Amino acid sequence: MSTSPFPLSLASLNITIPHTPLIEASYHYAKQHILPATLAHCMRNLVFAFLLANRLPNVVPEALDTEVLVVSILLHDMGLANTTIVSNDTRFEVDGANIARTFVQGHNSSWDRHRVQLMWDTIALHTINTVSAHKEPEVALSAMSISADFFGPYLQLPAGVSTEPGPGQLITVDEYVEVVRAFPRPNFKESVIERGCSLCRRKKETTWDNVMGEWGAMFGLDGNGTGREEFAAEFAVRRNSAPTLLMNLERLKPLDDRAAGLAGRS
């Protein structure tokens, strides 16, 4: 087993990410199953999380379950694993949450049900900031730290989250540059597109209601345009949920009328 990076200290940012046996095991488990670019993304997310802990509303750093936070971030993209641990029929966030839960329960029996569920929620909701922002601090902080790797100094709080008394810039330019210096991101954009398109190719039914389907609609099934028009057409229909809801409400109307008639005779 290669050397663990934990405890991870970045003196220039005044950050130390702690070491526990489960954190180390989680790092090596992620390294075994996900691509190097994805692992580097997870490491940047960790640093961003420790930066943001003092800047997000409703997050008290001293009250955080740090081990749950770190393990959740390390394992949040297990649903993108390039091995056979992923399912064939579950969206990648839930895949990742399920994989992480199985891993933790097999390696650390000291976690109670609350901590396991907290980790599950943190991973399953990491792409839905408008929901995760209103969950436990670990859930909200993890989701924002993951977004930070996509928005950097342009990161903003989700809609509906109070900015009072106002955090200012969440991630500064210098902080972003220092994080990327520590954990470089060559071809990160290309790797994001490739992983998204691969899900559209392998299990498209899980991508209709989340961001992954948008990669297929934009870049095709291989990232180079193959099957793009066909996928985009199907995505537009599947993603358009309001007409489906209205159609089914119309289908239910005769049953509603029948129930109303029975109620009137009782």
Protein backbone atom coordinates (compact mmCIF):
# COMPACT_ATOMS: atom_id res chain seq x y z
CA MET A 1 0.00 0.00 0.00
CA SER A 2 1.38 3.42 -0.96
CA THR A 3 1.97 6.16 1.57
CA SER A 4 -1.09 8.06 2.74
CA PRO A 5 -1.16 11.85 2.28
CA PHE A 6 -2.81 12.23 5.70
CA PRO A 7 -2.49 14.14 7.89
CA LEU A 8 -2.41 16.68 5.08
CA SER A 9 -0.94 20.08 5.93
CA LEU A 10 -0.94 23.11 3.66
CA ALA A 11 0.90 25.76 5.65
CA SER A 12 0.29 28.45 3.04
CA LEU A 13 -3.46 28.08 3.64
CA ASN A 14 -3.20 27.34 7.36
CA ILE A 15 -5.02 24.04 6.86
CA THR A 16 -4.41 20.61 8.33
CA ILE A 17 -6.67 17.71 7.34
CA PRO A 18 -6.45 15.01 9.99
CA HIS A 19 -5.58 11.34 9.80
CA THR A 20 -7.63 8.45 11.10
CA PRO A 21 -7.43 4.79 10.08
CA LEU A 22 -10.79 5.11 8.28
CA ILE A 23 -9.71 8.24 6.43
CA GLU A 24 -6.56 6.49 5.25
CA ALA A 25 -8.51 3.38 4.22
CA SER A 26 -11.03 5.53 2.35
CA TYR A 27 -8.26 7.28 0.44
CA HIS A 28 -6.72 4.01 -0.69
CA TYR A 29 -10.12 2.54 -1.55
CA ALA A 30 -10.92 5.55 -3.73
CA LYS A 31 -7.47 5.40 -5.32
CA GLN A 32 -8.05 1.74 -6.18
CA HIS A 33 -11.33 2.38 -8.01
CA ILE A 34 -11.42 5.89 -9.49
CA LEU A 35 -9.25 7.62 -12.06
CA PRO A 36 -6.32 9.77 -10.92
CA ALA A 37 -8.03 12.92 -12.16
CA THR A 38 -11.10 12.11 -10.06
CA LEU A 39 -8.98 11.40 -6.99
CA ALA A 40 -7.17 14.72 -7.41
CA HIS A 41 -10.60 16.38 -7.63
CA CYS A 42 -11.53 14.78 -4.30
CA MET A 43 -8.32 16.03 -2.70
CA ARG A 44 -8.98 19.58 -3.90
CA ASN A 45 -12.50 19.29 -2.54
CA LEU A 46 -11.08 18.45 0.90
CA VAL A 47 -8.95 21.57 0.96
CA PHE A 48 -11.83 23.73 -0.26
CA ALA A 49 -14.03 22.27 2.49
CA PHE A 50 -11.60 23.29 5.21
CA LEU A 51 -11.35 26.77 3.69
CA LEU A 52 -15.12 27.15 3.45
CA ALA A 53 -15.84 25.82 6.96
CA ASN A 54 -15.25 29.30 8.39
CA ARG A 55 -17.19 31.09 5.67
CA LEU A 56 -20.52 29.34 5.18
CA PRO A 57 -23.62 30.33 7.12
CA ASN A 58 -24.78 27.82 9.72
CA VAL A 59 -21.44 25.97 9.75
CA VAL A 60 -19.56 25.91 13.06
CA PRO A 61 -16.16 24.31 12.37
CA GLU A 62 -15.73 23.03 15.92
CA ALA A 63 -19.06 21.21 15.74
CA LEU A 64 -18.39 19.37 12.50
CA ASP A 65 -17.97 15.61 12.39
CA THR A 66 -14.63 15.92 10.63
CA GLU A 67 -14.18 12.21 9.97
CA VAL A 68 -17.60 11.94 8.31
CA LEU A 69 -16.85 15.05 6.26
CA VAL A 70 -13.46 13.82 5.03
CA VAL A 71 -14.59 10.26 4.30
CA SER A 72 -17.68 11.54 2.46
CA ILE A 73 -15.62 13.83 0.23
CA LEU A 74 -13.02 11.16 -0.49
CA LEU A 75 -15.73 8.68 -1.52
CA HIS A 76 -18.28 11.03 -3.10
CA ASP A 77 -17.43 10.03 -6.68
CA MET A 78 -17.31 6.27 -6.18
CA GLY A 79 -20.33 6.11 -8.49
CA LEU A 80 -17.87 7.05 -11.27
CA ALA A 81 -15.58 4.13 -10.48
CA ASN A 82 -13.92 2.47 -13.45
CA THR A 83 -14.37 -0.96 -11.87
CA THR A 84 -17.24 -3.39 -11.41
CA ILE A 85 -18.37 -2.02 -8.03
CA VAL A 86 -20.88 0.32 -9.71
CA SER A 87 -24.43 -0.72 -10.53
CA ASN A 88 -26.10 -0.87 -13.92
CA ASP A 89 -29.32 0.88 -12.94
CA THR A 90 -28.68 3.56 -10.29
CA ARG A 91 -27.73 7.21 -10.74
CA PHE A 92 -24.11 7.82 -9.88
CA GLU A 93 -24.66 9.86 -6.69
CA VAL A 94 -26.73 7.09 -5.12
CA ASP A 95 -24.30 4.48 -6.41
CA GLY A 96 -21.51 6.35 -4.66
CA ALA A 97 -23.48 6.66 -1.43
CA ASN A 98 -24.30 2.95 -1.43
CA ILE A 99 -20.72 1.95 -2.19
CA ALA A 100 -19.39 4.21 0.57
CA ARG A 101 -21.90 2.85 3.09
CA THR A 102 -20.92 -0.74 2.33
CA PHE A 103 -17.24 0.15 2.58
CA VAL A 104 -17.53 2.01 5.90
CA GLN A 105 -19.74 -0.61 7.52
CA GLY A 106 -17.19 -3.23 6.57
CA HIS A 107 -14.23 -1.26 7.92
CA ASN A 108 -15.44 0.70 10.92
CA SER A 109 -18.10 -0.77 13.18
CA SER A 110 -17.81 2.18 15.58
CA TRP A 111 -19.92 4.43 13.34
CA ASP A 112 -23.51 4.50 14.52
CA ARG A 113 -26.50 4.67 12.18
CA HIS A 114 -26.59 8.47 12.32
CA ARG A 115 -23.02 8.87 11.08
CA VAL A 116 -23.51 6.31 8.31
CA GLN A 117 -26.73 8.03 7.21
CA LEU A 118 -25.05 11.44 7.39
CA MET A 119 -22.33 10.20 5.05
CA TRP A 120 -24.93 8.65 2.73
CA ASP A 121 -26.88 11.91 2.53
CA THR A 122 -23.69 13.91 2.00
CA ILE A 123 -22.73 11.83 -1.02
CA ALA A 124 -26.20 11.31 -2.50
CA LEU A 125 -26.98 15.05 -2.41
CA HIS A 126 -23.63 16.44 -3.47
CA THR A 127 -24.86 17.63 -6.89
CA ILE A 128 -28.04 19.29 -5.56
CA ASN A 129 -26.82 22.39 -3.75
CA THR A 130 -30.27 23.91 -3.40
CA VAL A 131 -31.23 20.91 -1.25
CA SER A 132 -27.92 20.08 0.45
CA ALA A 133 -27.55 23.68 1.63
CA HIS A 134 -30.51 23.14 3.96
CA LYS A 135 -29.29 19.83 5.37
CA GLU A 136 -26.73 19.17 8.12
CA PRO A 137 -23.55 21.31 7.99
CA GLU A 138 -21.46 18.36 6.77
CA VAL A 139 -23.85 17.87 3.84
CA ALA A 140 -23.93 21.56 2.93
CA LEU A 141 -20.18 22.05 3.31
CA SER A 142 -19.29 19.00 1.25
CA ALA A 143 -21.53 20.03 -1.65
CA MET A 144 -20.11 23.55 -1.68
CA SER A 145 -16.53 22.28 -1.56
CA ILE A 146 -17.22 20.06 -4.57
CA SER A 147 -18.77 23.00 -6.43
CA ALA A 148 -15.67 25.04 -5.59
CA ASP A 149 -13.62 22.85 -7.92
CA PHE A 150 -15.92 23.88 -10.78
CA PHE A 151 -16.34 27.56 -9.90
CA GLY A 152 -13.18 28.50 -7.99
CA PRO A 153 -13.16 32.20 -7.08
CA TYR A 154 -16.55 32.58 -8.80
CA LEU A 155 -18.29 30.29 -6.29
CA GLN A 156 -21.52 31.67 -4.86
CA LEU A 157 -23.98 30.49 -2.24
CA PRO A 158 -27.04 28.64 -3.59
CA ALA A 159 -30.28 30.54 -4.02
CA GLY A 160 -32.29 30.70 -0.83
CA VAL A 161 -29.26 30.67 1.49
CA SER A 162 -28.83 33.79 3.59
CA THR A 163 -25.68 35.82 2.96
CA GLU A 164 -26.02 37.83 6.18
CA PRO A 165 -23.73 39.09 7.59
CA GLY A 166 -22.08 38.39 4.23
CA PRO A 167 -19.12 36.07 3.72
CA GLY A 168 -17.45 38.13 1.01
CA GLN A 169 -15.57 36.07 -1.58
CA LEU A 170 -15.89 32.42 -0.63
CA ILE A 171 -12.66 31.33 -2.36
CA THR A 172 -10.01 33.89 -3.27
CA VAL A 173 -7.94 33.77 -6.42
CA ASP A 174 -4.77 33.13 -4.45
CA GLU A 175 -6.39 30.29 -2.49
CA TYR A 176 -7.66 28.66 -5.65
CA VAL A 177 -4.24 28.85 -7.28
CA GLU A 178 -2.59 27.37 -4.18
CA VAL A 179 -5.03 24.44 -4.07
CA VAL A 180 -4.48 23.67 -7.75
CA ARG A 181 -0.72 23.98 -7.28
CA ALA A 182 -0.92 21.32 -4.58
CA PHE A 183 -3.27 19.07 -6.59
CA PRO A 184 -2.98 19.92 -10.31
CA ARG A 185 -5.90 19.51 -12.67
CA PRO A 186 -4.54 18.90 -16.20
CA ASN A 187 -7.34 18.11 -18.64
CA PHE A 188 -9.89 18.25 -15.82
CA LYS A 189 -12.62 19.62 -18.08
CA GLU A 190 -12.07 16.82 -20.57
CA SER A 191 -12.19 14.19 -17.82
CA VAL A 192 -15.49 15.60 -16.51
CA ILE A 193 -17.03 15.41 -19.97
CA GLU A 194 -15.73 11.88 -20.53
CA ARG A 195 -17.10 10.56 -17.23
CA GLY A 196 -20.49 12.20 -17.83
CA CYS A 197 -20.74 10.86 -21.37
CA SER A 198 -19.71 7.40 -20.22
CA LEU A 199 -22.72 7.28 -17.90
CA CYS A 200 -24.98 8.35 -20.76
CA ARG A 201 -23.49 5.54 -22.80
CA ARG A 202 -23.61 2.81 -20.13
CA LYS A 203 -26.83 3.58 -18.23
CA LYS A 204 -28.64 6.47 -19.84
CA GLU A 205 -31.87 5.87 -17.89
CA THR A 206 -30.11 7.14 -14.76
CA THR A 207 -29.12 10.46 -16.39
CA TRP A 208 -32.45 11.97 -17.42
CA ASP A 209 -33.09 13.89 -14.18
CA ASN A 210 -29.58 15.09 -13.37
CA VAL A 211 -26.61 16.94 -14.81
CA MET A 212 -25.06 13.84 -16.36
CA GLY A 213 -27.66 13.71 -19.10
CA GLU A 214 -26.68 17.21 -20.15
CA TRP A 215 -23.18 16.02 -21.04
CA GLY A 216 -24.61 13.43 -23.41
CA ALA A 217 -26.96 15.99 -24.95
CA MET A 218 -24.03 18.35 -25.51
CA PHE A 219 -21.17 16.00 -26.40
CA GLY A 220 -22.70 12.66 -27.40
CA LEU A 221 -21.98 9.26 -25.97
CA ASP A 222 -18.21 9.39 -26.41
CA GLY A 223 -17.50 13.07 -25.77
CA ASN A 224 -16.86 13.59 -29.48
CA GLY A 225 -20.41 13.92 -30.77
CA THR A 226 -21.25 10.28 -31.52
CA GLY A 227 -24.99 9.74 -31.00
CA ARG A 228 -25.45 13.30 -29.78
CA GLU A 229 -28.58 14.17 -31.79
CA GLU A 230 -30.40 10.97 -30.88
CA PHE A 231 -29.50 11.25 -27.21
CA ALA A 232 -30.37 14.96 -27.05
CA ALA A 233 -33.80 14.29 -28.58
CA GLU A 234 -34.58 11.54 -26.07
CA PHE A 235 -33.14 13.62 -23.21
CA ALA A 236 -35.42 16.53 -24.10
CA VAL A 237 -38.47 14.28 -23.87
CA ARG A 238 -37.42 12.44 -20.71
CA ARG A 239 -36.24 15.61 -18.94
CA ASN A 240 -39.49 17.43 -19.69
CA SER A 241 -41.37 16.13 -16.65
CA ALA A 242 -44.29 18.60 -16.54
CA PRO A 243 -46.05 17.16 -19.64
CA THR A 244 -45.64 13.65 -18.22
CA LEU A 245 -47.20 14.73 -14.94
CA LEU A 246 -50.09 16.44 -16.75
CA MET A 247 -50.66 13.37 -18.94
CA ASN A 248 -50.89 11.13 -15.91
CA LEU A 249 -53.18 13.53 -14.08
CA GLU A 250 -55.50 13.29 -17.08
CA ARG A 251 -55.27 9.48 -16.98
CA LEU A 252 -56.24 9.55 -13.33
CA LYS A 253 -59.21 11.88 -13.81
CA PRO A 254 -61.75 9.08 -14.56
CA LEU A 255 -60.63 7.30 -11.39
CA ASP A 256 -60.91 10.53 -9.43
CA ASP A 257 -64.44 11.01 -10.80
CA ARG A 258 -65.29 7.43 -9.89
CA ALA A 259 -64.03 7.95 -6.35
CA ALA A 260 -66.01 11.19 -6.08
CA GLY A 261 -69.16 9.39 -7.22
CA LEU A 262 -68.69 6.64 -4.65
CA ALA A 263 -68.09 9.23 -1.95
CA GLY A 264 -71.29 11.00 -2.90
CA ARG A 265 -73.35 7.81 -2.50
CA SER A 266 -71.90 6.93 0.91
